[in-house]
Amino acid sequence: MTTAPPRPNVTTCRSCGGRPASVLETVSASRHDNSLIADQRAAELGDGAHTHADRDGDMHVVRPLGAPS
């Protein structure tokens, strides 16, 4: 498991609220349906799991640190 840095500049992510998040899975931007797959995985994992996109278009399924696992 890797850890994403705090994202204080991402004000639209109410789930993280600027806290660091554990990256649970990454779905490559090379897949045209990567956001759909990441959303499905976040829903399956539950407990605060949600998605973040990075500059390269990869989708990361994350969970804020301190959330239930």
N, C-alpha and C. Protein backbone atom coordinates (compact mmCIF):
# COMPACT_ATOMS: atom_id res chain seq x y z
N MET A 1 0.85 -1.17 0.00
CA MET A 1 0.00 0.00 0.00
C MET A 1 0.90 1.23 0.00
N THR A 2 0.54 2.21 -0.80
CA THR A 2 1.27 3.47 -0.83
C THR A 2 0.40 4.56 -0.24
N THR A 3 1.01 5.67 0.06
CA THR A 3 0.27 6.78 0.65
C THR A 3 0.38 8.00 -0.24
N ALA A 4 -0.75 8.59 -0.53
CA ALA A 4 -0.78 9.83 -1.28
C ALA A 4 -0.59 10.97 -0.29
N PRO A 5 0.07 12.05 -0.71
CA PRO A 5 0.27 13.18 0.21
C PRO A 5 -1.06 13.89 0.49
N PRO A 6 -1.09 14.70 1.55
CA PRO A 6 -2.30 15.50 1.80
C PRO A 6 -2.62 16.33 0.56
N ARG A 7 -3.89 16.57 0.33
CA ARG A 7 -4.30 17.31 -0.86
C ARG A 7 -5.09 18.56 -0.45
N PRO A 8 -4.44 19.50 0.23
CA PRO A 8 -5.17 20.69 0.69
C PRO A 8 -5.69 21.56 -0.44
N ASN A 9 -5.07 21.45 -1.62
CA ASN A 9 -5.52 22.27 -2.75
C ASN A 9 -6.70 21.65 -3.46
N VAL A 10 -7.11 20.44 -3.08
CA VAL A 10 -8.27 19.80 -3.69
C VAL A 10 -9.46 20.04 -2.77
N THR A 11 -10.16 21.11 -3.04
CA THR A 11 -11.26 21.49 -2.16
C THR A 11 -12.54 20.72 -2.47
N THR A 12 -12.60 20.09 -3.64
CA THR A 12 -13.82 19.37 -3.99
C THR A 12 -13.89 18.00 -3.36
N CYS A 13 -12.81 17.52 -2.76
CA CYS A 13 -12.82 16.19 -2.16
C CYS A 13 -13.20 16.30 -0.69
N ARG A 14 -14.48 16.23 -0.43
CA ARG A 14 -14.97 16.31 0.94
C ARG A 14 -14.60 15.06 1.74
N SER A 15 -14.42 13.94 1.06
CA SER A 15 -14.09 12.70 1.74
C SER A 15 -12.70 12.75 2.38
N CYS A 16 -11.76 13.41 1.72
CA CYS A 16 -10.39 13.49 2.25
C CYS A 16 -10.22 14.68 3.18
N GLY A 17 -10.85 15.78 2.86
CA GLY A 17 -10.74 16.98 3.68
C GLY A 17 -9.30 17.42 3.94
N GLY A 18 -8.40 17.22 2.96
CA GLY A 18 -7.02 17.63 3.11
C GLY A 18 -6.16 16.62 3.85
N ARG A 19 -6.74 15.51 4.31
CA ARG A 19 -5.96 14.48 5.01
C ARG A 19 -5.23 13.60 4.00
N PRO A 20 -4.13 12.98 4.40
CA PRO A 20 -3.48 12.02 3.51
C PRO A 20 -4.40 10.82 3.29
N ALA A 21 -4.19 10.12 2.18
CA ALA A 21 -5.04 8.98 1.85
C ALA A 21 -4.18 7.80 1.43
N SER A 22 -4.63 6.60 1.76
CA SER A 22 -3.98 5.39 1.29
C SER A 22 -4.48 5.09 -0.12
N VAL A 23 -3.55 4.81 -1.03
CA VAL A 23 -3.92 4.43 -2.39
C VAL A 23 -4.14 2.93 -2.38
N LEU A 24 -5.37 2.51 -2.60
CA LEU A 24 -5.73 1.10 -2.56
C LEU A 24 -5.50 0.41 -3.89
N GLU A 25 -5.81 1.10 -4.98
CA GLU A 25 -5.62 0.57 -6.33
C GLU A 25 -5.43 1.72 -7.29
N THR A 26 -4.76 1.44 -8.40
CA THR A 26 -4.60 2.42 -9.47
C THR A 26 -5.05 1.78 -10.77
N VAL A 27 -5.85 2.52 -11.52
CA VAL A 27 -6.31 2.06 -12.84
C VAL A 27 -5.71 3.01 -13.87
N SER A 28 -4.93 2.45 -14.77
CA SER A 28 -4.18 3.23 -15.76
C SER A 28 -5.07 4.02 -16.70
N ALA A 29 -4.55 5.18 -17.10
CA ALA A 29 -5.25 6.03 -18.07
C ALA A 29 -5.28 5.38 -19.44
N SER A 30 -4.45 4.35 -19.66
CA SER A 30 -4.46 3.68 -20.95
C SER A 30 -5.76 2.92 -21.19
N ARG A 31 -6.53 2.70 -20.12
CA ARG A 31 -7.85 2.08 -20.26
C ARG A 31 -8.87 3.20 -20.46
N HIS A 32 -9.67 3.11 -21.48
CA HIS A 32 -10.65 4.16 -21.75
C HIS A 32 -11.76 4.19 -20.72
N ASP A 33 -11.96 3.09 -20.01
CA ASP A 33 -13.01 3.00 -18.99
C ASP A 33 -12.44 3.06 -17.57
N ASN A 34 -11.26 3.68 -17.41
CA ASN A 34 -10.60 3.66 -16.10
C ASN A 34 -11.41 4.33 -15.00
N SER A 35 -12.13 5.38 -15.29
CA SER A 35 -12.92 6.03 -14.23
C SER A 35 -14.09 5.15 -13.80
N LEU A 36 -14.70 4.44 -14.75
CA LEU A 36 -15.79 3.53 -14.42
C LEU A 36 -15.28 2.38 -13.55
N ILE A 37 -14.16 1.79 -13.93
CA ILE A 37 -13.58 0.68 -13.17
C ILE A 37 -13.21 1.16 -11.76
N ALA A 38 -12.56 2.32 -11.65
CA ALA A 38 -12.17 2.84 -10.34
C ALA A 38 -13.39 3.12 -9.47
N ASP A 39 -14.44 3.69 -10.05
CA ASP A 39 -15.67 3.94 -9.29
C ASP A 39 -16.28 2.64 -8.78
N GLN A 40 -16.28 1.60 -9.61
CA GLN A 40 -16.82 0.31 -9.20
C GLN A 40 -16.01 -0.28 -8.06
N ARG A 41 -14.69 -0.23 -8.16
CA ARG A 41 -13.82 -0.77 -7.11
C ARG A 41 -14.00 -0.01 -5.80
N ALA A 42 -14.13 1.32 -5.87
CA ALA A 42 -14.36 2.11 -4.66
C ALA A 42 -15.66 1.71 -3.99
N ALA A 43 -16.70 1.49 -4.79
CA ALA A 43 -17.99 1.07 -4.24
C ALA A 43 -17.89 -0.31 -3.60
N GLU A 44 -17.14 -1.20 -4.22
CA GLU A 44 -16.96 -2.55 -3.67
C GLU A 44 -16.18 -2.51 -2.36
N LEU A 45 -15.16 -1.66 -2.28
CA LEU A 45 -14.31 -1.60 -1.10
C LEU A 45 -15.00 -0.88 0.06
N GLY A 46 -15.84 0.11 -0.25
CA GLY A 46 -16.61 0.83 0.78
C GLY A 46 -15.74 1.49 1.83
N ASP A 47 -16.31 1.74 2.99
CA ASP A 47 -15.60 2.35 4.14
C ASP A 47 -14.81 3.60 3.77
N GLY A 48 -15.41 4.48 3.01
CA GLY A 48 -14.75 5.75 2.68
C GLY A 48 -13.92 5.71 1.41
N ALA A 49 -13.84 4.56 0.73
CA ALA A 49 -13.07 4.49 -0.51
C ALA A 49 -13.74 5.35 -1.58
N HIS A 50 -12.93 6.07 -2.32
CA HIS A 50 -13.41 6.91 -3.40
C HIS A 50 -12.26 7.12 -4.38
N THR A 51 -12.47 7.90 -5.43
CA THR A 51 -11.45 8.02 -6.47
C THR A 51 -10.86 9.41 -6.53
N HIS A 52 -9.61 9.43 -6.98
CA HIS A 52 -8.90 10.66 -7.31
C HIS A 52 -8.26 10.44 -8.68
N ALA A 53 -8.24 11.46 -9.50
CA ALA A 53 -7.53 11.41 -10.78
C ALA A 53 -6.21 12.15 -10.62
N ASP A 54 -5.19 11.71 -11.33
CA ASP A 54 -3.94 12.46 -11.30
C ASP A 54 -3.74 13.19 -12.62
N ARG A 55 -2.67 13.94 -12.73
CA ARG A 55 -2.40 14.75 -13.93
C ARG A 55 -2.30 13.93 -15.20
N ASP A 56 -1.86 12.67 -15.04
CA ASP A 56 -1.68 11.81 -16.20
C ASP A 56 -2.96 11.10 -16.63
N GLY A 57 -4.04 11.27 -15.86
CA GLY A 57 -5.30 10.64 -16.19
C GLY A 57 -5.52 9.30 -15.52
N ASP A 58 -4.52 8.83 -14.74
CA ASP A 58 -4.72 7.60 -13.98
C ASP A 58 -5.75 7.86 -12.90
N MET A 59 -6.53 6.84 -12.58
CA MET A 59 -7.52 6.94 -11.51
C MET A 59 -7.03 6.12 -10.32
N HIS A 60 -7.06 6.72 -9.14
CA HIS A 60 -6.61 6.05 -7.92
C HIS A 60 -7.81 5.85 -7.01
N VAL A 61 -7.96 4.63 -6.51
CA VAL A 61 -8.96 4.34 -5.50
C VAL A 61 -8.26 4.57 -4.17
N VAL A 62 -8.78 5.50 -3.39
CA VAL A 62 -8.12 5.90 -2.14
C VAL A 62 -9.08 5.80 -0.97
N ARG A 63 -8.49 5.78 0.22
CA ARG A 63 -9.27 5.86 1.46
C ARG A 63 -8.48 6.78 2.39
N PRO A 64 -9.13 7.80 2.96
CA PRO A 64 -8.43 8.70 3.87
C PRO A 64 -7.85 7.91 5.05
N LEU A 65 -6.64 8.27 5.45
CA LEU A 65 -6.03 7.61 6.61
C LEU A 65 -6.87 7.86 7.84
N GLY A 66 -7.02 6.86 8.65
CA GLY A 66 -7.85 6.98 9.84
C GLY A 66 -9.26 6.46 9.62
N ALA A 67 -9.63 6.21 8.35
CA ALA A 67 -10.96 5.63 8.04
C ALA A 67 -10.92 4.13 8.33
N PRO A 68 -12.04 3.53 8.61
CA PRO A 68 -12.06 2.09 8.83
C PRO A 68 -11.57 1.34 7.60
N SER A 69 -10.91 0.22 7.79
CA SER A 69 -10.43 -0.55 6.63
C SER A 69 -11.20 -1.83 6.47
